[in-house]
Protein backbone atom coordinates (compact mmCIF):
# COMPACT_ATOMS: atom_id res chain seq x y z
CA UNK A 1 -35.97 -19.22 -0.15
CA UNK A 2 -35.69 -16.45 2.43
CA UNK A 3 -32.62 -16.10 4.66
CA UNK A 4 -32.41 -14.30 7.98
CA UNK A 5 -29.98 -11.46 8.66
CA UNK A 6 -27.53 -13.65 10.58
CA UNK A 7 -27.18 -15.89 7.54
CA UNK A 8 -26.30 -12.91 5.36
CA UNK A 9 -23.83 -11.70 7.99
CA UNK A 10 -22.14 -15.11 7.96
CA UNK A 11 -22.03 -15.11 4.15
CA UNK A 12 -20.45 -11.64 4.14
CA UNK A 13 -17.87 -12.74 6.72
CA UNK A 14 -16.90 -15.77 4.61
CA UNK A 15 -16.64 -13.74 1.40
CA UNK A 16 -14.77 -10.94 3.17
CA UNK A 17 -12.30 -13.40 4.69
CA UNK A 18 -11.74 -15.02 1.32
CA UNK A 19 -11.12 -11.68 -0.38
CA UNK A 20 -8.78 -10.52 2.38
CA UNK A 21 -6.49 -13.53 2.10
CA UNK A 22 -6.96 -14.16 -1.62
CA UNK A 23 -6.01 -10.67 -2.73
CA UNK A 24 -3.61 -10.32 0.20
CA UNK A 25 -1.50 -13.26 -0.96
CA UNK A 26 -0.75 -11.80 -4.39
CA UNK A 27 1.73 -9.02 -3.63
CA UNK A 28 3.80 -10.74 -0.95
CA UNK A 29 4.39 -13.82 -3.11
CA UNK A 30 5.52 -11.70 -6.06
CA UNK A 31 7.80 -9.58 -3.88
CA UNK A 32 9.33 -12.62 -2.22
CA UNK A 33 9.89 -14.33 -5.55
CA UNK A 34 11.60 -11.25 -6.95
CA UNK A 35 13.86 -11.10 -3.90
CA UNK A 36 14.79 -14.77 -4.22
CA UNK A 37 15.51 -14.43 -7.94
CA UNK A 38 17.81 -11.47 -7.28
CA UNK A 39 19.55 -13.36 -4.46
CA UNK A 40 20.23 -16.31 -6.76
CA UNK A 41 21.68 -13.98 -9.36
CA UNK A 42 23.85 -12.32 -6.72
CA UNK A 43 25.14 -15.63 -5.35
CA UNK A 44 25.93 -16.75 -8.88
CA UNK A 45 28.10 -13.67 -9.32
CA UNK A 46 29.88 -13.82 -5.96
CA UNK A 47 29.65 -17.16 -4.18
CA UNK A 48 31.86 -15.96 -1.32
CA UNK A 49 29.09 -13.58 -0.22
CA UNK A 50 26.40 -16.25 -0.28
CA UNK A 51 25.99 -16.17 3.51
CA UNK A 52 25.24 -12.44 3.74
CA UNK A 53 23.13 -12.51 0.61
CA UNK A 54 21.08 -15.43 1.89
CA UNK A 55 20.44 -13.68 5.22
CA UNK A 56 19.38 -10.47 3.49
CA UNK A 57 17.10 -12.44 1.19
CA UNK A 58 15.30 -13.96 4.18
CA UNK A 59 15.00 -10.59 5.95
CA UNK A 60 13.67 -8.93 2.81
CA UNK A 61 11.19 -11.73 2.24
CA UNK A 62 10.03 -11.49 5.85
CA UNK A 63 9.22 -7.80 5.41
CA UNK A 64 7.36 -8.46 2.16
CA UNK A 65 5.44 -11.20 3.97
CA UNK A 66 4.14 -8.78 6.61
CA UNK A 67 1.46 -7.36 4.30
CA UNK A 68 -0.01 -10.82 3.75
CA UNK A 69 0.15 -11.46 7.51
CA UNK A 70 -2.01 -8.36 8.00
CA UNK A 71 -4.46 -9.88 5.51
CA UNK A 72 -4.32 -13.23 7.33
CA UNK A 73 -5.19 -11.55 10.64
CA UNK A 74 -8.23 -9.83 9.12
CA UNK A 75 -9.30 -13.04 7.37
CA UNK A 76 -9.14 -15.04 10.61
CA UNK A 77 -11.07 -12.36 12.46
CA UNK A 78 -13.76 -12.39 9.80
CA UNK A 79 -14.04 -16.17 9.92
CA UNK A 80 -14.01 -16.74 13.67
CA UNK A 81 -15.52 -13.60 15.24
CA UNK A 82 -19.24 -13.41 15.94
CA UNK A 83 -20.62 -10.20 14.48
CA UNK A 84 -23.92 -8.44 15.31
CA UNK A 85 -27.03 -9.59 13.47
CA UNK A 86 -27.57 -6.24 11.81
CA UNK A 87 -27.91 -5.57 8.12
CA UNK A 88 -25.03 -3.06 8.18
CA UNK A 89 -22.70 -5.84 9.31
CA UNK A 90 -22.84 -7.15 5.74
CA UNK A 91 -21.14 -4.15 4.06
CA UNK A 92 -18.79 -3.82 7.06
CA UNK A 93 -17.45 -7.35 6.63
CA UNK A 94 -17.22 -7.13 2.85
CA UNK A 95 -15.55 -3.70 3.05
CA UNK A 96 -13.00 -4.79 5.66
CA UNK A 97 -11.99 -7.87 3.68
CA UNK A 98 -11.72 -6.01 0.39
CA UNK A 99 -9.81 -3.14 2.00
CA UNK A 100 -7.11 -5.32 3.56
CA UNK A 101 -6.83 -7.72 0.64
CA UNK A 102 -6.29 -5.01 -1.96
CA UNK A 103 -4.19 -2.93 0.43
CA UNK A 104 -1.62 -5.71 0.80
CA UNK A 105 -0.85 -6.04 -2.92
CA UNK A 106 1.31 -2.97 -3.54
CA UNK A 107 3.22 -3.19 -0.27
CA UNK A 108 4.10 -6.84 -0.84
CA UNK A 109 5.43 -6.26 -4.34
CA UNK A 110 7.09 -2.94 -3.48
CA UNK A 111 9.00 -4.37 -0.51
CA UNK A 112 10.56 -6.95 -2.79
CA UNK A 113 12.24 -4.31 -4.98
CA UNK A 114 14.75 -2.94 -2.43
CA UNK A 115 15.34 -6.42 -1.02
CA UNK A 116 16.31 -7.74 -4.44
CA UNK A 117 18.51 -4.72 -5.15
CA UNK A 118 20.27 -5.10 -1.79
CA UNK A 119 21.10 -8.74 -2.52
CA UNK A 120 22.58 -7.82 -5.90
CA UNK A 121 24.47 -4.92 -4.34
CA UNK A 122 26.14 -7.19 -1.79
CA UNK A 123 27.62 -9.27 -4.58
CA UNK A 124 29.20 -6.14 -6.09
CA UNK A 125 30.17 -4.32 -2.88
CA UNK A 126 30.66 -6.84 -0.03
CA UNK A 127 32.04 -4.10 2.23
CA UNK A 128 28.69 -2.27 2.03
CA UNK A 129 26.58 -5.25 3.11
CA UNK A 130 25.64 -3.69 6.45
CA UNK A 131 24.68 -0.34 4.92
CA UNK A 132 22.72 -2.02 2.14
CA UNK A 133 20.79 -4.07 4.68
CA UNK A 134 19.97 -0.95 6.69
CA UNK A 135 18.84 0.91 3.60
CA UNK A 136 16.75 -2.07 2.51
CA UNK A 137 15.04 -2.22 5.91
CA UNK A 138 14.19 1.48 5.87
CA UNK A 139 12.95 1.46 2.29
CA UNK A 140 10.91 -1.72 2.73
CA UNK A 141 9.38 -0.43 5.96
CA UNK A 142 8.12 2.69 4.19
CA UNK A 143 6.58 0.44 1.53
CA UNK A 144 4.50 -1.22 4.26
CA UNK A 145 2.90 2.08 5.29
CA UNK A 146 -0.04 1.85 2.82
CA UNK A 147 -0.80 -1.69 3.98
CA UNK A 148 -0.90 -0.39 7.56
CA UNK A 149 -3.37 2.30 6.44
CA UNK A 150 -5.58 -0.45 5.04
CA UNK A 151 -5.22 -2.48 8.22
CA UNK A 152 -6.30 0.52 10.30
CA UNK A 153 -9.38 1.11 8.14
CA UNK A 154 -10.28 -2.60 8.29
CA UNK A 155 -10.01 -2.58 12.10
CA UNK A 156 -12.12 0.57 12.37
CA UNK A 157 -14.80 -0.99 10.18
CA UNK A 158 -14.84 -4.17 12.25
CA UNK A 159 -14.90 -2.53 15.67
CA UNK A 160 -17.16 0.49 15.05
CA UNK A 161 -20.84 0.17 15.88
CA UNK A 162 -22.78 1.48 12.88
CA UNK A 163 -26.14 0.10 14.05
CA UNK A 164 -27.45 3.55 15.06
CA UNK A 165 -26.85 4.90 11.54
CA UNK A 166 -29.52 4.73 8.82
CA UNK A 167 -29.06 1.69 6.60
CA UNK A 168 -29.15 3.87 3.50
CA UNK A 169 -26.81 5.53 2.63
CA UNK A 170 -24.51 4.14 5.37
CA UNK A 171 -24.07 0.81 3.58
CA UNK A 172 -22.56 2.62 0.59
CA UNK A 173 -20.33 4.82 2.75
CA UNK A 174 -18.92 1.73 4.48
CA UNK A 175 -18.18 -0.07 1.22
CA UNK A 176 -16.74 3.12 -0.26
CA UNK A 177 -14.40 3.50 2.71
CA UNK A 178 -13.02 -0.01 2.23
CA UNK A 179 -12.61 0.44 -1.52
CA UNK A 180 -10.89 3.82 -1.12
CA UNK A 181 -8.12 2.64 1.20
CA UNK A 182 -7.85 -0.77 -0.46
CA UNK A 183 -7.18 0.43 -3.98
CA UNK A 184 -5.48 3.59 -2.71
CA UNK A 185 -2.69 1.59 -1.06
CA UNK A 186 -1.63 -0.26 -4.22
CA UNK A 187 0.20 2.53 -6.04
CA UNK A 188 2.00 3.91 -2.99
CA UNK A 189 3.41 0.51 -2.10
CA UNK A 190 4.72 0.03 -5.63
CA UNK A 191 6.01 3.60 -6.02
CA UNK A 192 7.85 3.54 -2.71
CA UNK A 193 9.48 0.26 -3.70
CA UNK A 194 10.78 1.69 -6.97
CA UNK A 195 12.51 4.55 -5.15
CA UNK A 196 14.01 2.24 -2.52
CA UNK A 197 15.25 -0.14 -5.21
CA UNK A 198 17.16 2.66 -6.93
CA UNK A 199 18.65 3.67 -3.58
CA UNK A 200 20.11 0.22 -2.92
CA UNK A 201 21.42 0.01 -6.48
CA UNK A 202 22.99 3.46 -6.15
CA UNK A 203 24.77 2.66 -2.89
CA UNK A 204 26.18 -0.51 -4.43
CA UNK A 205 27.42 1.46 -7.43
CA UNK A 206 28.86 4.42 -5.50
CA UNK A 207 29.26 3.64 -1.77
CA UNK A 208 30.41 7.18 -0.94
CA UNK A 209 27.01 8.56 -1.93
CA UNK A 210 25.14 6.43 0.63
CA UNK A 211 24.00 9.31 2.85
CA UNK A 212 22.60 11.67 0.17
CA UNK A 213 21.07 8.74 -1.71
CA UNK A 214 19.25 7.57 1.43
CA UNK A 215 18.05 11.09 2.22
CA UNK A 216 16.61 11.63 -1.25
CA UNK A 217 15.12 8.13 -1.16
CA UNK A 218 13.14 9.02 1.96
CA UNK A 219 11.98 12.29 0.41
CA UNK A 220 10.90 10.57 -2.79
CA UNK A 221 9.13 7.81 -0.88
CA UNK A 222 7.31 10.35 1.29
CA UNK A 223 5.79 11.94 -1.80
CA UNK A 224 4.65 8.56 -3.15
CA UNK A 225 2.65 8.01 0.05
CA UNK A 226 0.52 11.13 -0.33
CA UNK A 227 -2.17 9.63 -2.56
CA UNK A 228 -2.60 6.76 -0.08
CA UNK A 229 -3.13 9.44 2.56
CA UNK A 230 -5.79 11.07 0.36
CA UNK A 231 -7.51 7.70 0.12
CA UNK A 232 -7.25 7.26 3.89
CA UNK A 233 -8.80 10.72 4.39
CA UNK A 234 -11.75 9.86 2.15
CA UNK A 235 -12.20 6.58 4.04
CA UNK A 236 -12.30 8.41 7.37
CA UNK A 237 -14.86 10.90 6.07
CA UNK A 238 -17.06 8.11 4.75
CA UNK A 239 -16.83 6.16 8.02
CA UNK A 240 -17.30 8.98 10.51
CA UNK A 241 -19.52 11.55 8.79
CA UNK A 242 -23.22 11.33 9.57
CA UNK A 243 -25.40 11.04 6.49
CA UNK A 244 -29.18 11.61 6.56
CA UNK A 245 -31.46 8.65 5.95
CA UNK A 246 -32.78 8.34 2.41
CA UNK A 247 -34.77 5.97 0.25
CA UNK A 248 -33.39 7.48 -2.95
CA UNK A 249 -30.74 5.63 -4.94
CA UNK A 250 -28.54 8.59 -5.88
CA UNK A 251 -27.11 9.53 -2.42
CA UNK A 252 -25.66 6.08 -1.61
CA UNK A 253 -24.33 5.74 -5.15
CA UNK A 254 -22.55 9.09 -4.76
CA UNK A 255 -20.79 7.86 -1.60
CA UNK A 256 -19.82 4.57 -3.21
CA UNK A 257 -18.53 6.45 -6.25
CA UNK A 258 -16.43 8.70 -3.99
CA UNK A 259 -14.60 5.69 -2.58
CA UNK A 260 -14.08 4.18 -6.03
CA UNK A 261 -12.89 7.49 -7.47
CA UNK A 262 -10.27 8.14 -4.80
CA UNK A 263 -9.12 4.53 -4.49
CA UNK A 264 -8.51 3.89 -8.17
CA UNK A 265 -7.41 7.48 -8.77
CA UNK A 266 -4.58 7.07 -6.26
CA UNK A 267 -2.86 4.20 -8.08
CA UNK A 268 -1.36 5.92 -11.12
CA UNK A 269 0.01 9.06 -9.43
CA UNK A 270 1.86 7.07 -6.77
CA UNK A 271 3.49 4.75 -9.32
CA UNK A 272 4.40 7.74 -11.50
CA UNK A 273 5.96 9.50 -8.52
CA UNK A 274 7.91 6.33 -7.84
CA UNK A 275 9.40 6.44 -11.33
CA UNK A 276 10.40 10.09 -10.83
CA UNK A 277 12.03 9.28 -7.49
CA UNK A 278 13.73 6.22 -8.92
CA UNK A 279 15.37 8.23 -11.69
CA UNK A 280 16.55 10.98 -9.36
CA UNK A 281 18.06 8.62 -6.80
CA UNK A 282 19.82 6.56 -9.47
CA UNK A 283 21.51 9.61 -10.98
CA UNK A 284 22.44 11.18 -7.65
CA UNK A 285 24.50 8.03 -7.04
CA UNK A 286 26.29 8.65 -10.34
CA UNK A 287 26.64 12.44 -10.08
CA UNK A 288 26.41 13.54 -6.46
CA UNK A 289 27.35 17.13 -7.32
CA UNK A 290 24.04 17.44 -9.18
CA UNK A 291 21.97 16.51 -6.14
CA UNK A 292 20.23 19.90 -5.84
CA UNK A 293 19.16 19.96 -9.49
CA UNK A 294 18.10 16.33 -9.50
CA UNK A 295 16.12 16.71 -6.28
CA UNK A 296 14.35 19.79 -7.63
CA UNK A 297 13.55 18.00 -10.87
CA UNK A 298 12.24 15.00 -8.93
CA UNK A 299 9.95 17.09 -6.74
CA UNK A 300 8.56 19.10 -9.65
CA UNK A 301 7.98 15.94 -11.66
CA UNK A 302 6.29 14.26 -8.73
CA UNK A 303 4.11 17.32 -8.15
CA UNK A 304 2.85 17.17 -11.73
CA UNK A 305 2.13 13.45 -11.39
CA UNK A 306 0.37 14.20 -8.10
CA UNK A 307 -2.11 16.48 -9.86
CA UNK A 308 -4.25 13.60 -11.11
CA UNK A 309 -4.52 12.25 -7.58
CA UNK A 310 -5.66 15.68 -6.44
CA UNK A 311 -8.29 15.70 -9.19
CA UNK A 312 -9.59 12.39 -7.84
CA UNK A 313 -9.65 13.79 -4.31
CA UNK A 314 -11.61 16.84 -5.44
CA UNK A 315 -14.21 14.74 -7.26
CA UNK A 316 -14.50 12.39 -4.28
CA UNK A 317 -15.14 15.34 -1.94
CA UNK A 318 -17.68 16.80 -4.36
CA UNK A 319 -19.50 13.47 -4.44
CA UNK A 320 -19.58 13.38 -0.63
CA UNK A 321 -20.41 16.99 0.20
CA UNK A 322 -22.02 18.56 -2.87
CA UNK A 323 -23.86 16.08 -5.08
């Protein structure tokens, strides 16, 4: 049975919407559950602080929820927007859904880490509740950055007219762009959350170190975001570079491989950088006088972990411009 192009466009929209919300629900639910578990533990330790802890739990869960709301928006757009009856609409809709769904996972989980740590910290240091909440908000907001990258790529895919481009290899470039930013956001969301978690724990342990701990947290989180930026860069190149028409199989496969390479290759380095930042922030709270040495060690360690992400970026660029 033969189907017309509009049927395939509708099928792609349905599958894309399902992937956006299906994958997009994973991270937020885990992050919210972790926050709630930590809040229950904190209330069990200090019932008198239950009011502040409960409020912080809800705020932290709301931030973790935002990544899945991004996914919900994309899913609804895919389901209820009428898209052009062009064959390239199929990879556009699949790529947008996959990009936002995967991109929400790391940010949802990562945002739950500082929220949970802040709730526990309030039970130990009630006087620092306000500062812990502020630190949680900052750390969780940074964790949402990769999900926003994915949202931007999904919007660009949905609202850019690719109909003037040759079908091959453009279809592969579009899918590669979605895969790159989708997978590429996972590690940065998780890594940023690990650093922010250590910051909230450190402030609760040593309130006087709040300022240096927050400063190093932001520095450590900034480094964890770099591989997501590499993935975003590759997505932009794949979406906006003009590729010559071809009937050969190799050129589109090279573009698809570039997106896969950078997306998956960004996960490990960002998580590893998060571990390095987490350790540095935790020990700065214990030994503030060692802040210079610990910060230097953190940055060097993160730079080494970053190298594998750079390797992935190099191979992705070779696949796009050389092969």
